[in-house]
Amino acid sequence: MLCGLRIDTGTTTTCTECDRALTECDPVTIRLHQNRQDIQWHLAACYCLGCVPISFEGLPSTLGTQLLCEGRIGIMQDGQTHQTWPVLVSPTIIETTRRTHVTYHATQEVSE
């Protein structure tokens, strides 16, 4: 579900907060949102380790569900077009607003 989620185009991405370049194997935390009628997650932000928010307080609110997920950057390549892009690898959910719209801090592994 979240493993392989496209983070950006090209071979790198940048931290939403500090603009630090993030490349393959770098640890990241991403913020995702999902509208109530949607089944797909949408990337809202990507953070380096130094800029990770500790909760959803102070972050832009969205309708539906928000999710903070830790992982690392992997690189996906399309052999026919020779295009590459960063994806999320080894995701672990660290916080969500699902169901009760109240955050919790339980760590849940997401199967790959």
PDB file of N, CA and C in Angstrom:
ATOM      1  N   MET A   1       0.828  -1.182   0.000  1.00  0.00           N
ATOM      2  CA  MET A   1       0.000   0.000   0.000  1.00  0.00           C
ATOM      3  C   MET A   1       0.878   1.253   0.000  1.00  0.00           C
ATOM      4  N   LEU A   2       1.719   1.469   1.017  1.00  0.00           N
ATOM      5  CA  LEU A   2       2.566   2.655   1.053  1.00  0.00           C
ATOM      6  C   LEU A   2       3.968   2.395   0.510  1.00  0.00           C
ATOM      7  N   CYS A   3       4.394   1.124   0.552  1.00  0.00           N
ATOM      8  CA  CYS A   3       5.722   0.817   0.017  1.00  0.00           C
ATOM      9  C   CYS A   3       5.712   1.056  -1.493  1.00  0.00           C
ATOM     10  N   GLY A   4       6.671   1.795  -1.965  1.00  0.00           N
ATOM     11  CA  GLY A   4       6.736   2.123  -3.383  1.00  0.00           C
ATOM     12  C   GLY A   4       6.007   3.399  -3.743  1.00  0.00           C
ATOM     13  N   LEU A   5       5.436   4.077  -2.757  1.00  0.00           N
ATOM     14  CA  LEU A   5       4.753   5.344  -3.004  1.00  0.00           C
ATOM     15  C   LEU A   5       5.729   6.351  -3.595  1.00  0.00           C
ATOM     16  N   ARG A   6       5.370   6.927  -4.716  1.00  0.00           N
ATOM     17  CA  ARG A   6       6.230   7.904  -5.386  1.00  0.00           C
ATOM     18  C   ARG A   6       6.336   9.176  -4.547  1.00  0.00           C
ATOM     19  N   ILE A   7       7.571   9.591  -4.264  1.00  0.00           N
ATOM     20  CA  ILE A   7       7.812  10.761  -3.434  1.00  0.00           C
ATOM     21  C   ILE A   7       8.047  12.012  -4.269  1.00  0.00           C
ATOM     22  N   ASP A   8       8.688  11.875  -5.418  1.00  0.00           N
ATOM     23  CA  ASP A   8       9.045  13.041  -6.228  1.00  0.00           C
ATOM     24  C   ASP A   8       9.399  12.554  -7.626  1.00  0.00           C
ATOM     25  N   THR A   9       9.908  13.459  -8.463  1.00  0.00           N
ATOM     26  CA  THR A   9      10.421  13.091  -9.779  1.00  0.00           C
ATOM     27  C   THR A   9      11.936  13.206  -9.735  1.00  0.00           C
ATOM     28  N   GLY A  10      12.632  12.680 -10.723  1.00  0.00           N
ATOM     29  CA  GLY A  10      14.094  12.718 -10.714  1.00  0.00           C
ATOM     30  C   GLY A  10      14.640  11.658  -9.771  1.00  0.00           C
ATOM     31  N   THR A  11      15.860  11.823  -9.306  1.00  0.00           N
ATOM     32  CA  THR A  11      16.455  10.830  -8.407  1.00  0.00           C
ATOM     33  C   THR A  11      16.591  11.339  -6.981  1.00  0.00           C
ATOM     34  N   THR A  12      16.219  12.575  -6.737  1.00  0.00           N
ATOM     35  CA  THR A  12      16.291  13.127  -5.387  1.00  0.00           C
ATOM     36  C   THR A  12      14.990  13.853  -5.058  1.00  0.00           C
ATOM     37  N   THR A  13      14.838  14.180  -3.811  1.00  0.00           N
ATOM     38  CA  THR A  13      13.745  15.032  -3.363  1.00  0.00           C
ATOM     39  C   THR A  13      14.326  15.975  -2.323  1.00  0.00           C
ATOM     40  N   THR A  14      13.551  16.897  -1.843  1.00  0.00           N
ATOM     41  CA  THR A  14      14.048  17.825  -0.824  1.00  0.00           C
ATOM     42  C   THR A  14      13.100  17.847   0.363  1.00  0.00           C
ATOM     43  N   CYS A  15      13.646  18.172   1.518  1.00  0.00           N
ATOM     44  CA  CYS A  15      12.854  18.310   2.730  1.00  0.00           C
ATOM     45  C   CYS A  15      11.917  19.509   2.567  1.00  0.00           C
ATOM     46  N   THR A  16      10.675  19.328   2.911  1.00  0.00           N
ATOM     47  CA  THR A  16       9.674  20.387   2.813  1.00  0.00           C
ATOM     48  C   THR A  16      10.032  21.593   3.667  1.00  0.00           C
ATOM     49  N   GLU A  17      10.678  21.362   4.805  1.00  0.00           N
ATOM     50  CA  GLU A  17      10.989  22.441   5.743  1.00  0.00           C
ATOM     51  C   GLU A  17      12.306  23.151   5.442  1.00  0.00           C
ATOM     52  N   CYS A  18      13.402  22.405   5.251  1.00  0.00           N
ATOM     53  CA  CYS A  18      14.726  23.029   5.152  1.00  0.00           C
ATOM     54  C   CYS A  18      15.356  22.956   3.762  1.00  0.00           C
ATOM     55  N   ASP A  19      14.685  22.336   2.807  1.00  0.00           N
ATOM     56  CA  ASP A  19      15.164  22.193   1.429  1.00  0.00           C
ATOM     57  C   ASP A  19      16.437  21.364   1.297  1.00  0.00           C
ATOM     58  N   ARG A  20      16.773  20.561   2.309  1.00  0.00           N
ATOM     59  CA  ARG A  20      17.937  19.668   2.228  1.00  0.00           C
ATOM     60  C   ARG A  20      17.658  18.595   1.187  1.00  0.00           C
ATOM     61  N   ALA A  21      18.651  18.309   0.348  1.00  0.00           N
ATOM     62  CA  ALA A  21      18.509  17.257  -0.665  1.00  0.00           C
ATOM     63  C   ALA A  21      18.479  15.896   0.014  1.00  0.00           C
ATOM     64  N   LEU A  22      17.533  15.073  -0.372  1.00  0.00           N
ATOM     65  CA  LEU A  22      17.392  13.717   0.152  1.00  0.00           C
ATOM     66  C   LEU A  22      17.546  12.745  -1.004  1.00  0.00           C
ATOM     67  N   THR A  23      18.404  11.745  -0.818  1.00  0.00           N
ATOM     68  CA  THR A  23      18.692  10.801  -1.898  1.00  0.00           C
ATOM     69  C   THR A  23      18.483   9.365  -1.433  1.00  0.00           C
ATOM     70  N   GLU A  24      18.771   8.428  -2.307  1.00  0.00           N
ATOM     71  CA  GLU A  24      18.586   7.005  -2.046  1.00  0.00           C
ATOM     72  C   GLU A  24      19.181   6.590  -0.705  1.00  0.00           C
ATOM     73  N   CYS A  25      18.426   5.824   0.063  1.00  0.00           N
ATOM     74  CA  CYS A  25      18.770   5.278   1.384  1.00  0.00           C
ATOM     75  C   CYS A  25      18.606   6.271   2.531  1.00  0.00           C
ATOM     76  N   ASP A  26      18.365   7.551   2.258  1.00  0.00           N
ATOM     77  CA  ASP A  26      18.162   8.514   3.342  1.00  0.00           C
ATOM     78  C   ASP A  26      16.868   8.196   4.087  1.00  0.00           C
ATOM     79  N   PRO A  27      16.892   8.277   5.432  1.00  0.00           N
ATOM     80  CA  PRO A  27      15.650   8.124   6.195  1.00  0.00           C
ATOM     81  C   PRO A  27      14.774   9.358   6.014  1.00  0.00           C
ATOM     82  N   VAL A  28      13.482   9.147   5.924  1.00  0.00           N
ATOM     83  CA  VAL A  28      12.530  10.248   5.755  1.00  0.00           C
ATOM     84  C   VAL A  28      11.273   9.972   6.572  1.00  0.00           C
ATOM     85  N   THR A  29      10.548  11.034   6.844  1.00  0.00           N
ATOM     86  CA  THR A  29       9.186  10.929   7.356  1.00  0.00           C
ATOM     87  C   THR A  29       8.314  11.683   6.370  1.00  0.00           C
ATOM     88  N   ILE A  30       7.238  11.067   5.961  1.00  0.00           N
ATOM     89  CA  ILE A  30       6.342  11.718   5.017  1.00  0.00           C
ATOM     90  C   ILE A  30       4.981  11.925   5.683  1.00  0.00           C
ATOM     91  N   ARG A  31       4.330  13.003   5.278  1.00  0.00           N
ATOM     92  CA  ARG A  31       2.964  13.288   5.715  1.00  0.00           C
ATOM     93  C   ARG A  31       2.056  13.068   4.526  1.00  0.00           C
ATOM     94  N   LEU A  32       1.035  12.245   4.728  1.00  0.00           N
ATOM     95  CA  LEU A  32       0.096  11.902   3.676  1.00  0.00           C
ATOM     96  C   LEU A  32      -1.309  12.313   4.093  1.00  0.00           C
ATOM     97  N   HIS A  33      -2.184  12.489   3.132  1.00  0.00           N
ATOM     98  CA  HIS A  33      -3.594  12.709   3.440  1.00  0.00           C
ATOM     99  C   HIS A  33      -4.443  11.915   2.466  1.00  0.00           C
ATOM    100  N   GLN A  34      -5.624  11.582   2.933  1.00  0.00           N
ATOM    101  CA  GLN A  34      -6.573  10.813   2.136  1.00  0.00           C
ATOM    102  C   GLN A  34      -7.952  11.429   2.351  1.00  0.00           C
ATOM    103  N   ASN A  35      -8.578  11.864   1.277  1.00  0.00           N
ATOM    104  CA  ASN A  35      -9.923  12.426   1.371  1.00  0.00           C
ATOM    105  C   ASN A  35     -10.910  11.334   1.746  1.00  0.00           C
ATOM    106  N   ARG A  36     -12.001  11.713   2.325  1.00  0.00           N
ATOM    107  CA  ARG A  36     -12.978  10.734   2.818  1.00  0.00           C
ATOM    108  C   ARG A  36     -13.489   9.790   1.738  1.00  0.00           C
ATOM    109  N   GLN A  37     -13.707  10.283   0.539  1.00  0.00           N
ATOM    110  CA  GLN A  37     -14.239   9.451  -0.532  1.00  0.00           C
ATOM    111  C   GLN A  37     -13.150   8.819  -1.394  1.00  0.00           C
ATOM    112  N   ASP A  38     -11.889   9.079  -1.084  1.00  0.00           N
ATOM    113  CA  ASP A  38     -10.766   8.613  -1.893  1.00  0.00           C
ATOM    114  C   ASP A  38     -10.137   7.372  -1.272  1.00  0.00           C
ATOM    115  N   ILE A  39      -9.607   6.481  -2.093  1.00  0.00           N
ATOM    116  CA  ILE A  39      -8.891   5.314  -1.573  1.00  0.00           C
ATOM    117  C   ILE A  39      -7.379   5.482  -1.712  1.00  0.00           C
ATOM    118  N   GLN A  40      -6.940   6.511  -2.396  1.00  0.00           N
ATOM    119  CA  GLN A  40      -5.514   6.736  -2.636  1.00  0.00           C
ATOM    120  C   GLN A  40      -4.953   7.755  -1.648  1.00  0.00           C
ATOM    121  N   TRP A  41      -3.713   7.506  -1.182  1.00  0.00           N
ATOM    122  CA  TRP A  41      -3.012   8.457  -0.325  1.00  0.00           C
ATOM    123  C   TRP A  41      -2.312   9.485  -1.190  1.00  0.00           C
ATOM    124  N   HIS A  42      -2.276  10.729  -0.728  1.00  0.00           N
ATOM    125  CA  HIS A  42      -1.634  11.822  -1.446  1.00  0.00           C
ATOM    126  C   HIS A  42      -0.510  12.390  -0.590  1.00  0.00           C
ATOM    127  N   LEU A  43       0.656  12.583  -1.175  1.00  0.00           N
ATOM    128  CA  LEU A  43       1.809  13.116  -0.459  1.00  0.00           C
ATOM    129  C   LEU A  43       1.598  14.598  -0.169  1.00  0.00           C
ATOM    130  N   ALA A  44       1.710  14.972   1.104  1.00  0.00           N
ATOM    131  CA  ALA A  44       1.564  16.370   1.500  1.00  0.00           C
ATOM    132  C   ALA A  44       2.916  16.997   1.806  1.00  0.00           C
ATOM    133  N   ALA A  45       3.859  16.209   2.362  1.00  0.00           N
ATOM    134  CA  ALA A  45       5.171  16.745   2.734  1.00  0.00           C
ATOM    135  C   ALA A  45       6.152  15.603   2.948  1.00  0.00           C
ATOM    136  N   CYS A  46       7.435  15.921   2.788  1.00  0.00           N
ATOM    137  CA  CYS A  46       8.522  14.971   3.011  1.00  0.00           C
ATOM    138  C   CYS A  46       9.545  15.673   3.903  1.00  0.00           C
ATOM    139  N   TYR A  47       9.949  15.026   5.004  1.00  0.00           N
ATOM    140  CA  TYR A  47      10.831  15.653   5.985  1.00  0.00           C
ATOM    141  C   TYR A  47      12.113  14.851   6.185  1.00  0.00           C
ATOM    142  N   CYS A  48      13.230  15.560   6.374  1.00  0.00           N
ATOM    143  CA  CYS A  48      14.470  14.924   6.802  1.00  0.00           C
ATOM    144  C   CYS A  48      14.363  14.648   8.297  1.00  0.00           C
ATOM    145  N   LEU A  49      15.330  13.929   8.871  1.00  0.00           N
ATOM    146  CA  LEU A  49      15.267  13.604  10.296  1.00  0.00           C
ATOM    147  C   LEU A  49      15.259  14.830  11.199  1.00  0.00           C
ATOM    148  N   GLY A  50      15.917  15.899  10.792  1.00  0.00           N
ATOM    149  CA  GLY A  50      15.985  17.097  11.615  1.00  0.00           C
ATOM    150  C   GLY A  50      14.725  17.935  11.626  1.00  0.00           C
ATOM    151  N   CYS A  51      13.825  17.700  10.699  1.00  0.00           N
ATOM    152  CA  CYS A  51      12.628  18.546  10.567  1.00  0.00           C
ATOM    153  C   CYS A  51      11.313  17.812  10.833  1.00  0.00           C
ATOM    154  N   VAL A  52      11.382  16.589  11.302  1.00  0.00           N
ATOM    155  CA  VAL A  52      10.175  15.779  11.490  1.00  0.00           C
ATOM    156  C   VAL A  52       9.240  16.414  12.513  1.00  0.00           C
ATOM    157  N   PRO A  53       7.969  16.620  12.155  1.00  0.00           N
ATOM    158  CA  PRO A  53       7.009  17.126  13.140  1.00  0.00           C
ATOM    159  C   PRO A  53       6.688  16.025  14.156  1.00  0.00           C
ATOM    160  N   ILE A  54       6.459  16.405  15.396  1.00  0.00           N
ATOM    161  CA  ILE A  54       6.180  15.400  16.420  1.00  0.00           C
ATOM    162  C   ILE A  54       4.694  15.085  16.530  1.00  0.00           C
ATOM    163  N   SER A  55       3.854  15.926  15.943  1.00  0.00           N
ATOM    164  CA  SER A  55       2.415  15.661  15.925  1.00  0.00           C
ATOM    165  C   SER A  55       1.793  16.463  14.788  1.00  0.00           C
ATOM    166  N   PHE A  56       0.498  16.333  14.629  1.00  0.00           N
ATOM    167  CA  PHE A  56      -0.210  17.066  13.584  1.00  0.00           C
ATOM    168  C   PHE A  56      -0.538  18.494  13.994  1.00  0.00           C
ATOM    169  N   GLU A  57      -0.349  18.825  15.270  1.00  0.00           N
ATOM    170  CA  GLU A  57      -0.619  20.186  15.726  1.00  0.00           C
ATOM    171  C   GLU A  57       0.288  21.166  15.002  1.00  0.00           C
ATOM    172  N   GLY A  58      -0.277  22.242  14.535  1.00  0.00           N
ATOM    173  CA  GLY A  58       0.493  23.254  13.824  1.00  0.00           C
ATOM    174  C   GLY A  58       0.683  22.977  12.345  1.00  0.00           C
ATOM    175  N   LEU A  59       0.311  21.786  11.890  1.00  0.00           N
ATOM    176  CA  LEU A  59       0.406  21.461  10.466  1.00  0.00           C
ATOM    177  C   LEU A  59      -0.917  21.812   9.790  1.00  0.00           C
ATOM    178  N   PRO A  60      -0.889  22.062   8.488  1.00  0.00           N
ATOM    179  CA  PRO A  60      -2.144  22.375   7.793  1.00  0.00           C
ATOM    180  C   PRO A  60      -3.151  21.237   7.941  1.00  0.00           C
ATOM    181  N   SER A  61      -4.382  21.556   8.240  1.00  0.00           N
ATOM    182  CA  SER A  61      -5.399  20.520   8.388  1.00  0.00           C
ATOM    183  C   SER A  61      -5.982  20.161   7.031  1.00  0.00           C
ATOM    184  N   THR A  62      -6.486  18.962   6.934  1.00  0.00           N
ATOM    185  CA  THR A  62      -7.122  18.495   5.702  1.00  0.00           C
ATOM    186  C   THR A  62      -8.398  17.763   6.076  1.00  0.00           C
ATOM    187  N   LEU A  63      -9.309  17.664   5.133  1.00  0.00           N
ATOM    188  CA  LEU A  63     -10.490  16.833   5.327  1.00  0.00           C
ATOM    189  C   LEU A  63     -10.065  15.382   5.157  1.00  0.00           C
ATOM    190  N   GLY A  64     -10.630  14.506   5.916  1.00  0.00           N
ATOM    191  CA  GLY A  64     -10.281  13.100   5.797  1.00  0.00           C
ATOM    192  C   GLY A  64      -9.199  12.717   6.789  1.00  0.00           C
ATOM    193  N   THR A  65      -8.321  11.823   6.392  1.00  0.00           N
ATOM    194  CA  THR A  65      -7.319  11.235   7.268  1.00  0.00           C
ATOM    195  C   THR A  65      -5.922  11.746   6.933  1.00  0.00           C
ATOM    196  N   GLN A  66      -5.128  11.988   7.972  1.00  0.00           N
ATOM    197  CA  GLN A  66      -3.716  12.320   7.794  1.00  0.00           C
ATOM    198  C   GLN A  66      -2.887  11.185   8.377  1.00  0.00           C
ATOM    199  N   LEU A  67      -1.655  11.074   7.892  1.00  0.00           N
ATOM    200  CA  LEU A  67      -0.779   9.985   8.298  1.00  0.00           C
ATOM    201  C   LEU A  67       0.656  10.479   8.293  1.00  0.00           C
ATOM    202  N   LEU A  68       1.412  10.180   9.363  1.00  0.00           N
ATOM    203  CA  LEU A  68       2.862  10.374   9.371  1.00  0.00           C
ATOM    204  C   LEU A  68       3.484   8.992   9.270  1.00  0.00           C
ATOM    205  N   CYS A  69       4.433   8.837   8.381  1.00  0.00           N
ATOM    206  CA  CYS A  69       5.018   7.536   8.101  1.00  0.00           C
ATOM    207  C   CYS A  69       6.529   7.665   7.965  1.00  0.00           C
ATOM    208  N   GLU A  70       7.281   6.825   8.679  1.00  0.00           N
ATOM    209  CA  GLU A  70       8.739   6.792   8.553  1.00  0.00           C
ATOM    210  C   GLU A  70       9.123   5.758   7.507  1.00  0.00           C
ATOM    211  N   GLY A  71      10.264   5.952   6.916  1.00  0.00           N
ATOM    212  CA  GLY A  71      10.792   4.989   5.959  1.00  0.00           C
ATOM    213  C   GLY A  71      12.121   5.487   5.437  1.00  0.00           C
ATOM    214  N   ARG A  72      12.492   4.991   4.293  1.00  0.00           N
ATOM    215  CA  ARG A  72      13.699   5.486   3.642  1.00  0.00           C
ATOM    216  C   ARG A  72      13.430   5.607   2.151  1.00  0.00           C
ATOM    217  N   ILE A  73      14.302   6.332   1.497  1.00  0.00           N
ATOM    218  CA  ILE A  73      14.121   6.570   0.065  1.00  0.00           C
ATOM    219  C   ILE A  73      14.760   5.438  -0.737  1.00  0.00           C
ATOM    220  N   GLY A  74      13.991   4.900  -1.642  1.00  0.00           N
ATOM    221  CA  GLY A  74      14.484   3.950  -2.632  1.00  0.00           C
ATOM    222  C   GLY A  74      14.338   4.593  -3.998  1.00  0.00           C
ATOM    223  N   ILE A  75      14.944   3.995  -4.994  1.00  0.00           N
ATOM    224  CA  ILE A  75      14.853   4.533  -6.358  1.00  0.00           C
ATOM    225  C   ILE A  75      14.182   3.499  -7.262  1.00  0.00           C
ATOM    226  N   MET A  76      13.171   3.932  -7.977  1.00  0.00           N
ATOM    227  CA  MET A  76      12.469   3.104  -8.944  1.00  0.00           C
ATOM    228  C   MET A  76      12.903   3.554 -10.336  1.00  0.00           C
ATOM    229  N   GLN A  77      13.030   2.612 -11.256  1.00  0.00           N
ATOM    230  CA  GLN A  77      13.435   2.967 -12.617  1.00  0.00           C
ATOM    231  C   GLN A  77      12.555   2.249 -13.623  1.00  0.00           C
ATOM    232  N   ASP A  78      12.157   2.981 -14.652  1.00  0.00           N
ATOM    233  CA  ASP A  78      11.433   2.415 -15.781  1.00  0.00           C
ATOM    234  C   ASP A  78      12.471   2.130 -16.859  1.00  0.00           C
ATOM    235  N   GLY A  79      12.724   0.861 -17.115  1.00  0.00           N
ATOM    236  CA  GLY A  79      13.760   0.468 -18.068  1.00  0.00           C
ATOM    237  C   GLY A  79      13.504   0.929 -19.492  1.00  0.00           C
ATOM    238  N   GLN A  80      12.242   1.028 -19.888  1.00  0.00           N
ATOM    239  CA  GLN A  80      11.936   1.449 -21.258  1.00  0.00           C
ATOM    240  C   GLN A  80      12.168   2.937 -21.470  1.00  0.00           C
ATOM    241  N   THR A  81      11.778   3.752 -20.504  1.00  0.00           N
ATOM    242  CA  THR A  81      11.912   5.194 -20.686  1.00  0.00           C
ATOM    243  C   THR A  81      13.190   5.747 -20.051  1.00  0.00           C
ATOM    244  N   HIS A  82      13.867   4.901 -19.279  1.00  0.00           N
ATOM    245  CA  HIS A  82      15.090   5.301 -18.570  1.00  0.00           C
ATOM    246  C   HIS A  82      14.840   6.442 -17.596  1.00  0.00           C
ATOM    247  N   GLN A  83      13.629   6.523 -17.059  1.00  0.00           N
ATOM    248  CA  GLN A  83      13.300   7.523 -16.054  1.00  0.00           C
ATOM    249  C   GLN A  83      13.424   6.892 -14.673  1.00  0.00           C
ATOM    250  N   THR A  84      13.857   7.686 -13.701  1.00  0.00           N
ATOM    251  CA  THR A  84      13.951   7.224 -12.321  1.00  0.00           C
ATOM    252  C   THR A  84      13.232   8.207 -11.405  1.00  0.00           C
ATOM    253  N   TRP A  85      12.803   7.720 -10.237  1.00  0.00           N
ATOM    254  CA  TRP A  85      12.139   8.580  -9.274  1.00  0.00           C
ATOM    255  C   TRP A  85      12.264   7.954  -7.883  1.00  0.00           C
ATOM    256  N   PRO A  86      12.253   8.802  -6.842  1.00  0.00           N
ATOM    257  CA  PRO A  86      12.339   8.298  -5.474  1.00  0.00           C
ATOM    258  C   PRO A  86      10.996   7.764  -4.988  1.00  0.00           C
ATOM    259  N   VAL A  87      11.064   6.660  -4.242  1.00  0.00           N
ATOM    260  CA  VAL A  87       9.874   6.034  -3.673  1.00  0.00           C
ATOM    261  C   VAL A  87      10.115   5.740  -2.193  1.00  0.00           C
ATOM    262  N   LEU A  88       9.049   5.502  -1.463  1.00  0.00           N
ATOM    263  CA  LEU A  88       9.135   5.153  -0.052  1.00  0.00           C
ATOM    264  C   LEU A  88       9.398   3.662   0.095  1.00  0.00           C
ATOM    265  N   VAL A  89      10.385   3.307   0.937  1.00  0.00           N
ATOM    266  CA  VAL A  89      10.738   1.914   1.192  1.00  0.00           C
ATOM    267  C   VAL A  89      10.653   1.671   2.697  1.00  0.00           C
ATOM    268  N   SER A  90      10.249   0.490   3.108  1.00  0.00           N
ATOM    269  CA  SER A  90      10.134   0.075   4.515  1.00  0.00           C
ATOM    270  C   SER A  90       9.305   1.042   5.357  1.00  0.00           C
ATOM    271  N   PRO A  91       8.072   1.329   4.948  1.00  0.00           N
ATOM    272  CA  PRO A  91       7.251   2.296   5.686  1.00  0.00           C
ATOM    273  C   PRO A  91       6.760   1.771   7.028  1.00  0.00           C
ATOM    274  N   THR A  92       6.728   2.654   7.999  1.00  0.00           N
ATOM    275  CA  THR A  92       6.157   2.376   9.317  1.00  0.00           C
ATOM    276  C   THR A  92       5.295   3.565   9.710  1.00  0.00           C
ATOM    277  N   ILE A  93       4.026   3.321   9.989  1.00  0.00           N
ATOM    278  CA  ILE A  93       3.127   4.391  10.410  1.00  0.00           C
ATOM    279  C   ILE A  93       3.488   4.790  11.833  1.00  0.00           C
ATOM    280  N   ILE A  94       3.673   6.103  12.051  1.00  0.00           N
ATOM    281  CA  ILE A  94       3.994   6.568  13.401  1.00  0.00           C
ATOM    282  C   ILE A  94       2.874   7.381  14.028  1.00  0.00           C
ATOM    283  N   GLU A  95       1.981   7.924  13.225  1.00  0.00           N
ATOM    284  CA  GLU A  95       0.846   8.670  13.772  1.00  0.00           C
ATOM    285  C   GLU A  95      -0.230   8.807  12.699  1.00  0.00           C
ATOM    286  N   THR A  96      -1.481   8.780  13.135  1.00  0.00           N
ATOM    287  CA  THR A  96      -2.591   8.910  12.200  1.00  0.00           C
ATOM    288  C   THR A  96      -3.767   9.613  12.862  1.00  0.00           C
ATOM    289  N   THR A  97      -4.644  10.153  12.042  1.00  0.00           N
ATOM    290  CA  THR A  97      -5.884  10.748  12.533  1.00  0.00           C
ATOM    291  C   THR A  97      -7.073   9.880  12.146  1.00  0.00           C
ATOM    292  N   ARG A  98      -6.833   8.675  11.721  1.00  0.00           N
ATOM    293  CA  ARG A  98      -7.897   7.785  11.227  1.00  0.00           C
ATOM    294  C   ARG A  98      -8.958   7.509  12.280  1.00  0.00           C
ATOM    295  N   ARG A  99     -10.168   7.356  11.836  1.00  0.00           N
ATOM    296  CA  ARG A  99     -11.380   7.002  12.572  1.00  0.00           C
ATOM    297  C   ARG A  99     -11.814   8.040  13.587  1.00  0.00           C
ATOM    298  N   THR A 100     -11.079   8.213  14.680  1.00  0.00           N
ATOM    299  CA  THR A 100     -11.543   9.100  15.736  1.00  0.00           C
ATOM    300  C   THR A 100     -11.117  10.539  15.495  1.00  0.00           C
ATOM    301  N   HIS A 101     -10.250  10.761  14.524  1.00  0.00           N
ATOM    302  CA  HIS A 101      -9.687  12.070  14.231  1.00  0.00           C
ATOM    303  C   HIS A 101      -8.910  12.618  15.422  1.00  0.00           C
ATOM    304  N   VAL A 102      -8.450  11.711  16.273  1.00  0.00           N
ATOM    305  CA  VAL A 102      -7.559  12.047  17.376  1.00  0.00           C
ATOM    306  C   VAL A 102      -6.277  11.276  17.143  1.00  0.00           C
ATOM    307  N   THR A 103      -5.144  11.923  17.261  1.00  0.00           N
ATOM    308  CA  THR A 103      -3.888  11.255  16.962  1.00  0.00           C
ATOM    309  C   THR A 103      -3.488  10.302  18.079  1.00  0.00           C
ATOM    310  N   TYR A 104      -2.728   9.302  17.711  1.00  0.00           N
ATOM    311  CA  TYR A 104      -2.140   8.405  18.689  1.00  0.00           C
ATOM    312  C   TYR A 104      -0.719   8.105  18.273  1.00  0.00           C
ATOM    313  N   HIS A 105       0.062   7.586  19.192  1.00  0.00           N
ATOM    314  CA  HIS A 105       1.482   7.401  18.940  1.00  0.00           C
ATOM    315  C   HIS A 105       1.906   5.940  18.877  1.00  0.00           C
ATOM    316  N   ALA A 106       1.011   5.056  18.539  1.00  0.00           N
ATOM    317  CA  ALA A 106       1.378   3.655  18.412  1.00  0.00           C
ATOM    318  C   ALA A 106       2.126   3.452  17.100  1.00  0.00           C
ATOM    319  N   THR A 107       3.132   2.617  17.122  1.00  0.00           N
ATOM    320  CA  THR A 107       3.873   2.304  15.906  1.00  0.00           C
ATOM    321  C   THR A 107       3.294   1.043  15.302  1.00  0.00           C
ATOM    322  N   GLN A 108       3.021   1.086  14.017  1.00  0.00           N
ATOM    323  CA  GLN A 108       2.427  -0.031  13.321  1.00  0.00           C
ATOM    324  C   GLN A 108       3.230  -0.306  12.071  1.00  0.00           C
ATOM    325  N   GLU A 109       3.679  -1.537  11.898  1.00  0.00           N
ATOM    326  CA  GLU A 109       4.395  -1.919  10.687  1.00  0.00           C
ATOM    327  C   GLU A 109       3.418  -2.011   9.531  1.00  0.00           C
ATOM    328  N   VAL A 110       3.820  -1.562   8.383  1.00  0.00           N
ATOM    329  CA  VAL A 110       3.024  -1.665   7.178  1.00  0.00           C
ATOM    330  C   VAL A 110       3.682  -2.709   6.299  1.00  0.00           C
ATOM    331  N   SER A 111       2.949  -3.737   5.918  1.00  0.00           N
ATOM    332  CA  SER A 111       3.549  -4.796   5.109  1.00  0.00           C
ATOM    333  C   SER A 111       3.951  -4.263   3.756  1.00  0.00           C
ATOM    334  N   GLU A 112       5.058  -4.788   3.236  1.00  0.00           N
ATOM    335  CA  GLU A 112       5.575  -4.340   1.943  1.00  0.00           C
ATOM    336  C   GLU A 112       5.038  -5.188   0.824  1.00  0.00           C
TER     337      GLU A 112
END
